[in-house]
Amino acid sequence: MAGTGSPGRRWRLRAARVVAVVGVVAAALTGPPAAAATPPPYLTLEASYGAGTVTNGWESVERYLDTTTGFRTEGYPADGRGDQDGKRVTYFGGVSRPSSGRFLLYSAPGWNSGSKTTPVLLVHGANDTADRAWANPGEAGGYGCGAASCPSTGLMQYLAARGHRVFAVGFAHKQGDNLMQAQVVGDAIAVIKAKLGVAKVDLVGWSKGQMSTRAYVSSLRPSWGRAYAGDVRRLITLGGPNGGYDYPYAHGWAHDFSIWPECGGTVNAPSPHSHMTCYGLSTAHPEFSMTPAGGQDNYPGQRQMLARWDGVYGVDGAAQDWYTTYYGGQGFSTAGGGIQAAIDAGSLIAPLHSAGVPASVTTYLLAGGSADVVGIFNENRGPSDGVVFVSSALDGTGIPTVGGKATIATANHLELGWHGSAAAQVAAWLA
């Protein structure tokens, strides 16, 4: 059949047919573009905060409620030291002691336009927030960032600038039950998958955040909880106590001075002691106990990270009441049940090792090597980041697919979320 029109018109028609065929073939090979979906029905979006409301460089913050029976409002110290603070009170609807079924999902600039395929969920550690941990390390001053001078940007900005689609979770309780927080990690992933139409997410868990991320992928959960949904590509832990830690018991006297009110302590952390004498006055504070006491249990997440290291690095024998602090009993100025009683009351280290990370989840372990955290007595019995031993952070027990291990010699425990070398290593592992 003769062509129609001029040679130029016939060329354009043939070109159009070629483009159409190529488009059909490409669609057949790649499938339709990913489309956003709706989160699971047990998740309710309660509030959204956007431009003009959020701070520290985030694009938006959303508050969700998981309506699954089993979530509860965990215990908080009566003096308010464990309450939500700053902008987080606003995000939690003006509630400073929210139920652990509520969580915040932070979205970084470029969360829906970044060039990287797999989104990243950042999971912060104990007594922390997604703001300070990932976006503004200097929000709480030197004590918060671990150094005398604190930057105003963190890993969130570093990754977003390199094309990663970055999110962060904010927990209701700063020292909460890691099994409940693991369920929240799964919830946050479900929301991200629905928003972006992706199948998998990369997880970065810092310090205590390692516990909830690892518990999620290992299906270690409460009796009412949901199992791992197979939706994590890579797991990266920063200073995570993969082998557990015993710092509060090995250095109990120095640790308690920062906690016990009668000694001037205000830090939101648990004590290894049930009684302590400050300035000649012996007092009891069950609200700060590592184990349930006096009807209170305000620090379950810390107890779950405990493991004994006395057989490897000994105990700080220079500390006041060192023996009774670690092994239990009545000392000169303190009394307590010892670390083994606390481990028996609910450590998750052995269960996590036993459950194991699925082989399909490539795991990377990052440790800090500088024991120079500002404002605390640093862990000095062996190589550490000031809180967690390097050998614990790099412990691969129960992890069949270790993609890499690294130690940032110049970073302490609180610097791992923003230190330049740590950020570069995380970005390399996410590539």
Protein backbone atom coordinates (compact mmCIF):
# COMPACT_ATOMS: atom_id res chain seq x y z
CA MET A 1 0.00 0.00 0.00
CA ALA A 2 1.29 3.42 -0.95
CA GLY A 3 2.33 5.79 1.86
CA THR A 4 0.14 8.74 2.77
CA GLY A 5 1.30 12.33 2.40
CA SER A 6 4.86 13.66 2.13
CA PRO A 7 8.03 11.70 3.01
CA GLY A 8 8.37 13.80 6.17
CA ARG A 9 4.85 12.93 7.27
CA ARG A 10 5.45 9.21 6.55
CA TRP A 11 8.68 9.34 8.65
CA ARG A 12 6.86 10.94 11.55
CA LEU A 13 4.13 8.28 11.45
CA ARG A 14 6.71 5.45 11.45
CA ALA A 15 8.55 7.11 14.37
CA ALA A 16 5.31 7.42 16.31
CA ARG A 17 4.58 3.69 15.76
CA VAL A 18 8.10 2.79 17.00
CA VAL A 19 7.65 4.92 20.12
CA ALA A 20 4.28 3.29 20.79
CA VAL A 21 5.73 -0.21 20.43
CA VAL A 22 8.66 0.63 22.71
CA GLY A 23 6.21 1.98 25.29
CA VAL A 24 4.15 -1.22 25.19
CA VAL A 25 7.26 -3.39 25.57
CA ALA A 26 8.56 -1.26 28.46
CA ALA A 27 5.21 -1.47 30.23
CA ALA A 28 5.19 -5.23 29.80
CA LEU A 29 8.68 -5.51 31.26
CA THR A 30 8.36 -3.10 34.20
CA GLY A 31 4.66 -3.26 34.99
CA PRO A 32 2.46 -0.28 35.85
CA PRO A 33 3.94 2.54 37.95
CA ALA A 34 3.66 2.16 41.70
CA ALA A 35 0.53 3.71 43.12
CA ALA A 36 -0.19 4.91 46.63
CA ALA A 37 -2.54 2.78 48.69
CA THR A 38 -4.29 3.08 52.02
CA PRO A 39 -2.68 2.04 55.31
CA PRO A 40 -4.04 -1.01 57.18
CA PRO A 41 -7.49 -0.48 58.78
CA TYR A 42 -6.11 -0.67 62.33
CA LEU A 43 -4.14 2.55 61.72
CA THR A 44 -5.90 5.89 62.04
CA LEU A 45 -4.36 9.17 60.90
CA GLU A 46 -5.24 11.57 63.72
CA ALA A 47 -3.40 14.76 62.74
CA SER A 48 -1.00 16.24 60.21
CA TYR A 49 1.44 19.09 60.69
CA GLY A 50 3.06 20.79 57.73
CA ALA A 51 4.77 23.98 56.59
CA GLY A 52 4.85 26.67 59.23
CA THR A 53 4.23 24.15 62.01
CA VAL A 54 7.08 21.64 61.90
CA THR A 55 10.68 22.51 62.76
CA ASN A 56 14.22 21.21 62.31
CA GLY A 57 13.98 20.84 58.56
CA TRP A 58 11.25 18.21 58.33
CA GLU A 59 8.59 18.67 55.67
CA SER A 60 5.72 17.21 57.69
CA VAL A 61 4.80 15.24 60.78
CA GLU A 62 1.77 12.96 61.12
CA ARG A 63 0.27 11.35 64.22
CA TYR A 64 -1.20 7.86 63.90
CA LEU A 65 -3.11 5.64 66.30
CA ASP A 66 -2.83 1.86 66.21
CA THR A 67 -6.18 0.62 67.48
CA THR A 68 -4.96 -2.95 68.04
CA THR A 69 -5.99 -4.26 71.45
CA GLY A 70 -2.88 -4.67 73.56
CA PHE A 71 -1.34 -1.23 73.27
CA ARG A 72 -1.53 0.74 76.52
CA THR A 73 -0.29 3.87 78.20
CA GLU A 74 3.00 2.90 79.82
CA GLY A 75 4.24 4.22 83.15
CA TYR A 76 5.89 7.63 83.49
CA PRO A 77 7.88 9.00 86.46
CA ALA A 78 5.65 11.32 88.47
CA ASP A 79 8.13 14.20 88.37
CA GLY A 80 7.69 14.53 84.59
CA ARG A 81 11.23 13.70 83.48
CA GLY A 82 9.96 11.09 81.02
CA ASP A 83 7.21 13.25 79.51
CA GLN A 84 7.15 14.37 75.90
CA ASP A 85 8.61 17.86 75.47
CA GLY A 86 8.99 20.68 72.99
CA LYS A 87 7.20 20.34 69.68
CA ARG A 88 6.45 16.69 70.39
CA VAL A 89 3.74 17.73 72.85
CA THR A 90 2.06 19.63 70.00
CA TYR A 91 2.42 16.70 67.63
CA PHE A 92 0.91 14.35 70.23
CA GLY A 93 -2.14 16.63 70.46
CA GLY A 94 -1.09 18.45 73.63
CA VAL A 95 -0.64 15.16 75.52
CA SER A 96 2.68 14.81 77.34
CA ARG A 97 2.11 11.17 78.33
CA PRO A 98 0.52 9.55 75.27
CA SER A 99 -0.52 5.95 74.85
CA SER A 100 2.12 3.72 73.25
CA GLY A 101 -0.38 2.96 70.49
CA ARG A 102 0.24 6.46 69.14
CA PHE A 103 3.29 7.39 67.09
CA LEU A 104 4.65 10.17 64.94
CA LEU A 105 5.81 9.73 61.36
CA TYR A 106 8.25 12.42 60.22
CA SER A 107 8.77 13.01 56.48
CA ALA A 108 11.90 14.69 55.16
CA PRO A 109 12.02 16.99 52.13
CA GLY A 110 12.07 14.80 49.03
CA TRP A 111 10.22 11.93 50.69
CA ASN A 112 8.09 11.54 47.55
CA SER A 113 10.57 12.73 44.93
CA GLY A 114 13.99 11.38 45.88
CA SER A 115 15.86 9.37 43.28
CA LYS A 116 16.61 6.35 45.47
CA THR A 117 14.21 3.44 45.06
CA THR A 118 14.00 2.12 48.62
CA PRO A 119 12.86 4.59 51.31
CA VAL A 120 14.65 4.82 54.66
CA LEU A 121 13.03 4.75 58.10
CA LEU A 122 15.15 6.15 60.94
CA VAL A 123 14.44 4.78 64.44
CA HIS A 124 15.82 6.73 67.41
CA GLY A 125 17.05 5.49 70.76
CA ALA A 126 16.29 5.88 74.46
CA ASN A 127 15.32 9.18 76.04
CA ASP A 128 15.43 10.77 72.60
CA THR A 129 13.26 12.15 69.82
CA ALA A 130 13.30 11.99 66.05
CA ASP A 131 14.03 15.73 65.99
CA ARG A 132 17.18 15.66 68.10
CA ALA A 133 18.40 12.29 66.90
CA TRP A 134 18.20 12.84 63.17
CA ALA A 135 17.54 16.50 62.29
CA ASN A 136 18.94 18.84 64.96
CA PRO A 137 21.55 17.17 67.20
CA GLY A 138 22.05 20.46 69.01
CA GLU A 139 18.44 20.79 70.14
CA ALA A 140 19.33 19.72 73.71
CA GLY A 141 22.87 21.09 73.84
CA GLY A 142 26.06 19.14 74.43
CA TYR A 143 24.42 16.51 76.61
CA GLY A 144 22.15 15.60 73.73
CA CYS A 145 24.69 15.41 70.92
CA GLY A 146 27.61 14.00 72.89
CA ALA A 147 30.04 16.79 72.08
CA ALA A 148 30.86 20.29 73.33
CA SER A 149 29.73 21.81 70.03
CA CYS A 150 26.60 20.48 68.34
CA PRO A 151 25.56 20.69 64.68
CA SER A 152 22.09 21.86 63.64
CA THR A 153 21.61 19.16 60.99
CA GLY A 154 21.93 15.39 61.10
CA LEU A 155 21.59 12.15 59.20
CA MET A 156 18.16 13.13 57.85
CA GLN A 157 19.53 16.07 55.89
CA TYR A 158 22.62 14.13 54.83
CA LEU A 159 20.61 11.29 53.30
CA ALA A 160 17.87 13.50 51.81
CA ALA A 161 20.51 15.60 50.03
CA ARG A 162 21.73 12.40 48.36
CA GLY A 163 18.37 11.42 46.95
CA HIS A 164 17.09 9.17 49.72
CA ARG A 165 13.41 9.29 50.63
CA VAL A 166 13.72 9.66 54.38
CA PHE A 167 11.22 9.11 57.19
CA ALA A 168 11.57 8.82 60.96
CA VAL A 169 9.35 7.39 63.67
CA GLY A 170 8.65 9.14 66.97
CA PHE A 171 7.65 6.92 69.90
CA ALA A 172 5.12 7.85 72.57
CA HIS A 173 7.34 6.63 75.40
CA LYS A 174 11.04 7.56 75.54
CA GLN A 175 12.03 4.38 77.40
CA GLY A 176 9.18 2.14 76.31
CA ASP A 177 8.69 -1.57 75.82
CA ASN A 178 10.70 -2.60 72.76
CA LEU A 179 8.13 -5.21 71.75
CA MET A 180 5.40 -2.59 71.51
CA GLN A 181 7.79 -0.24 69.74
CA ALA A 182 8.62 -3.02 67.27
CA GLN A 183 4.95 -3.13 66.39
CA VAL A 184 5.06 0.63 65.84
CA VAL A 185 8.07 0.20 63.53
CA GLY A 186 5.94 -2.19 61.49
CA ASP A 187 3.12 0.36 61.51
CA ALA A 188 5.41 3.12 60.23
CA ILE A 189 6.66 0.84 57.46
CA ALA A 190 3.06 0.01 56.49
CA VAL A 191 2.26 3.73 56.16
CA ILE A 192 5.39 4.39 54.08
CA LYS A 193 4.58 1.49 51.76
CA ALA A 194 1.06 2.84 51.31
CA LYS A 195 2.28 6.37 50.62
CA LEU A 196 4.90 5.38 48.05
CA GLY A 197 3.59 2.11 46.64
CA VAL A 198 6.84 0.31 47.51
CA ALA A 199 7.34 -3.23 48.75
CA LYS A 200 10.32 -2.74 51.07
CA VAL A 201 11.96 -0.19 53.33
CA ASP A 202 15.49 0.16 54.73
CA LEU A 203 15.75 0.48 58.54
CA VAL A 204 18.35 2.42 60.53
CA GLY A 205 18.15 1.77 64.28
CA TRP A 206 20.31 3.79 66.67
CA SER A 207 21.12 2.54 70.18
CA LYS A 208 17.86 1.34 71.77
CA GLY A 209 16.29 1.76 68.31
CA GLN A 210 18.24 -1.34 67.31
CA MET A 211 16.05 -3.35 69.69
CA SER A 212 12.72 -2.44 68.11
CA THR A 213 13.98 -2.70 64.53
CA ARG A 214 15.56 -6.07 65.13
CA ALA A 215 12.56 -7.35 67.11
CA TYR A 216 10.31 -6.35 64.21
CA VAL A 217 12.21 -8.22 61.50
CA SER A 218 12.65 -11.21 63.85
CA SER A 219 8.91 -11.44 64.61
CA LEU A 220 9.66 -11.14 68.31
CA ARG A 221 6.38 -9.69 69.51
CA PRO A 222 3.73 -9.54 72.23
CA SER A 223 1.10 -12.27 72.25
CA TRP A 224 -1.29 -9.87 70.51
CA GLY A 225 1.28 -8.56 68.02
CA ARG A 226 1.67 -9.00 64.29
CA ALA A 227 4.52 -10.95 62.71
CA TYR A 228 7.14 -9.50 60.38
CA ALA A 229 5.60 -8.62 57.02
CA GLY A 230 8.68 -9.34 54.91
CA ASP A 231 9.08 -5.68 54.00
CA VAL A 232 12.65 -4.78 55.02
CA ARG A 233 15.52 -4.83 52.54
CA ARG A 234 18.40 -3.73 54.77
CA LEU A 235 18.85 -3.24 58.53
CA ILE A 236 21.59 -0.91 59.80
CA THR A 237 22.31 -0.61 63.52
CA LEU A 238 24.28 2.30 65.01
CA GLY A 239 25.81 1.57 68.39
CA GLY A 240 23.10 -1.02 68.91
CA PRO A 241 23.50 -3.34 71.92
CA ASN A 242 23.34 -6.46 69.77
CA GLY A 243 25.21 -8.30 72.52
CA GLY A 244 23.49 -6.35 75.30
CA TYR A 245 24.99 -3.92 77.80
CA ASP A 246 25.53 -3.70 81.56
CA TYR A 247 26.66 -0.10 81.98
CA PRO A 248 24.07 0.86 84.68
CA TYR A 249 25.22 -1.99 86.92
CA ALA A 250 28.95 -1.81 86.22
CA HIS A 251 29.03 1.93 87.00
CA GLY A 252 26.00 2.19 89.25
CA TRP A 253 27.22 4.80 91.75
CA ALA A 254 28.17 7.37 89.09
CA HIS A 255 25.08 6.46 87.09
CA ASP A 256 22.74 6.97 90.04
CA PHE A 257 24.04 10.44 90.91
CA SER A 258 22.56 11.67 87.63
CA ILE A 259 19.18 10.07 88.47
CA TRP A 260 18.50 10.19 92.21
CA PRO A 261 16.63 13.45 93.07
CA GLU A 262 18.12 13.75 96.54
CA CYS A 263 21.58 13.73 94.94
CA GLY A 264 20.53 16.38 92.42
CA GLY A 265 19.81 13.95 89.59
CA THR A 266 17.25 14.71 86.87
CA VAL A 267 18.13 12.34 84.01
CA ASN A 268 15.33 10.17 82.62
CA ALA A 269 16.98 6.77 83.11
CA PRO A 270 16.53 3.75 85.39
CA SER A 271 18.56 3.00 88.49
CA PRO A 272 20.13 -0.36 89.43
CA HIS A 273 19.32 0.40 93.07
CA SER A 274 16.15 0.27 95.13
CA HIS A 275 17.60 2.49 97.89
CA MET A 276 20.33 5.11 97.98
CA THR A 277 21.75 7.42 100.64
CA CYS A 278 22.34 11.01 99.55
CA TYR A 279 23.79 13.51 101.99
CA GLY A 280 22.97 11.21 104.90
CA LEU A 281 19.36 10.56 103.87
CA SER A 282 18.39 7.07 102.67
CA THR A 283 15.47 7.06 100.25
CA ALA A 284 13.60 4.66 97.97
CA HIS A 285 12.45 5.50 94.45
CA PRO A 286 10.54 2.60 92.88
CA GLU A 287 9.60 4.90 89.99
CA PHE A 288 13.24 4.81 88.82
CA SER A 289 13.75 1.09 89.26
CA MET A 290 15.19 -1.03 86.44
CA THR A 291 12.77 -3.79 87.43
CA PRO A 292 9.06 -3.51 88.35
CA ALA A 293 8.79 -2.15 91.90
CA GLY A 294 6.09 -0.63 94.07
CA GLY A 295 3.49 -1.11 91.33
CA GLN A 296 5.58 0.89 88.83
CA ASP A 297 7.52 -0.11 85.74
CA ASN A 298 8.63 3.01 83.88
CA TYR A 299 11.75 1.73 82.08
CA PRO A 300 11.00 -1.65 80.48
CA GLY A 301 12.99 -0.81 77.36
CA GLN A 302 16.22 -0.48 79.33
CA ARG A 303 15.79 -3.77 81.16
CA GLN A 304 15.28 -5.50 77.82
CA MET A 305 18.79 -4.46 76.66
CA LEU A 306 20.69 -5.98 79.60
CA ALA A 307 23.34 -8.68 79.34
CA ARG A 308 26.27 -9.52 81.56
CA TRP A 309 29.77 -8.51 80.50
CA ASP A 310 31.53 -9.12 83.81
CA GLY A 311 32.98 -12.36 82.45
CA VAL A 312 34.62 -10.41 79.60
CA TYR A 313 35.58 -7.03 81.04
CA GLY A 314 35.01 -7.42 84.78
CA VAL A 315 33.25 -4.81 86.92
CA ASP A 316 34.33 -1.30 87.88
CA GLY A 317 35.88 -2.16 91.22
CA ALA A 318 36.69 1.49 91.97
CA ALA A 319 33.00 2.41 92.20
CA GLN A 320 31.22 2.78 95.53
CA ASP A 321 29.28 -0.43 96.39
CA TRP A 322 30.46 -2.01 93.14
CA TYR A 323 29.95 -5.61 94.24
CA THR A 324 26.41 -5.27 95.65
CA THR A 325 25.39 -3.02 92.76
CA TYR A 326 26.32 -5.64 90.15
CA TYR A 327 25.56 -8.83 92.03
CA GLY A 328 22.84 -7.64 94.42
CA GLY A 329 22.63 -6.92 98.12
CA GLN A 330 23.02 -4.16 100.68
CA GLY A 331 26.04 -1.93 100.22
CA PHE A 332 27.38 0.96 102.25
CA SER A 333 25.15 3.57 100.57
CA THR A 334 22.93 1.58 98.21
CA ALA A 335 20.86 -1.57 97.93
CA GLY A 336 19.56 -3.46 94.92
CA GLY A 337 18.77 -6.80 93.38
CA GLY A 338 21.70 -6.97 90.94
CA ILE A 339 21.89 -7.39 87.20
CA GLN A 340 20.88 -11.05 86.99
CA ALA A 341 17.54 -10.35 88.68
CA ALA A 342 16.92 -7.60 86.13
CA ILE A 343 17.87 -9.87 83.23
CA ASP A 344 15.52 -12.54 84.57
CA ALA A 345 12.77 -9.90 84.75
CA GLY A 346 12.74 -9.51 80.98
CA SER A 347 15.94 -9.02 78.98
CA LEU A 348 15.37 -9.55 75.24
CA ILE A 349 18.99 -10.14 74.21
CA ALA A 350 18.86 -13.95 74.38
CA PRO A 351 15.38 -14.12 72.75
CA LEU A 352 16.60 -11.89 69.90
CA HIS A 353 19.65 -14.07 69.35
CA SER A 354 17.44 -17.15 69.34
CA ALA A 355 14.77 -15.69 67.02
CA GLY A 356 17.37 -14.55 64.49
CA VAL A 357 17.18 -11.98 61.73
CA PRO A 358 15.76 -13.43 58.48
CA ALA A 359 18.49 -14.27 55.97
CA SER A 360 16.68 -12.09 53.42
CA VAL A 361 17.43 -8.98 55.52
CA THR A 362 21.00 -7.87 54.89
CA THR A 363 22.28 -6.40 58.16
CA TYR A 364 25.05 -3.89 58.76
CA LEU A 365 26.61 -3.15 62.16
CA LEU A 366 28.24 0.17 63.01
CA ALA A 367 30.10 0.87 66.26
CA GLY A 368 31.59 3.99 67.78
CA GLY A 369 35.12 3.77 69.16
CA SER A 370 35.45 6.95 71.21
CA ALA A 371 34.52 6.83 74.91
CA ASP A 372 34.22 10.58 75.37
CA VAL A 373 30.50 11.32 75.75
CA VAL A 374 30.06 14.73 77.37
CA GLY A 375 28.41 14.78 80.79
CA ILE A 376 28.51 11.10 81.79
CA PHE A 377 30.92 8.59 83.29
CA ASN A 378 32.11 6.79 80.17
CA GLU A 379 32.33 3.01 79.83
CA ASN A 380 36.02 2.32 80.38
CA ARG A 381 36.35 -1.44 81.00
CA GLY A 382 36.94 -2.23 77.34
CA PRO A 383 36.74 -0.62 73.87
CA SER A 384 33.43 1.23 73.74
CA ASP A 385 31.58 4.27 72.45
CA GLY A 386 31.18 5.48 76.02
CA VAL A 387 28.06 3.39 76.65
CA VAL A 388 28.07 0.22 74.50
CA PHE A 389 31.08 -2.03 73.99
CA VAL A 390 32.37 -2.20 70.43
CA SER A 391 32.14 -6.00 70.63
CA SER A 392 28.46 -5.74 71.55
CA ALA A 393 27.63 -3.30 68.76
CA LEU A 394 29.36 -5.61 66.26
CA ASP A 395 27.95 -8.86 67.68
CA GLY A 396 26.49 -10.84 64.77
CA THR A 397 24.88 -13.63 66.83
CA GLY A 398 21.60 -14.59 65.17
CA ILE A 399 22.31 -12.54 62.03
CA PRO A 400 22.94 -14.89 59.09
CA THR A 401 23.46 -12.19 56.44
CA VAL A 402 25.91 -9.58 57.65
CA GLY A 403 26.60 -7.17 54.82
CA GLY A 404 29.29 -5.27 56.68
CA LYS A 405 30.74 -4.15 59.99
CA ALA A 406 32.60 -0.93 60.74
CA THR A 407 33.88 1.09 63.68
CA ILE A 408 34.05 4.88 63.59
CA ALA A 409 37.03 5.39 65.88
CA THR A 410 36.37 9.10 66.42
CA ALA A 411 32.62 8.85 67.19
CA ASN A 412 31.05 8.29 70.59
CA HIS A 413 27.61 6.82 71.26
CA LEU A 414 25.74 10.10 70.87
CA GLU A 415 27.67 11.18 67.79
CA LEU A 416 26.81 8.15 65.66
CA GLY A 417 23.67 9.80 64.27
CA TRP A 418 25.43 12.88 62.88
CA HIS A 419 29.19 12.27 62.73
CA GLY A 420 30.42 12.77 59.16
CA SER A 421 32.18 9.42 58.88
CA ALA A 422 29.20 7.57 60.34
CA ALA A 423 26.81 9.28 57.94
CA ALA A 424 29.04 8.43 54.97
CA GLN A 425 29.21 4.79 56.04
CA VAL A 426 25.42 4.57 56.40
CA ALA A 427 24.94 6.13 52.97
CA ALA A 428 27.41 3.65 51.46
CA TRP A 429 25.51 0.72 52.97
CA LEU A 430 22.20 2.08 51.70
CA ALA A 431 23.45 2.49 48.13
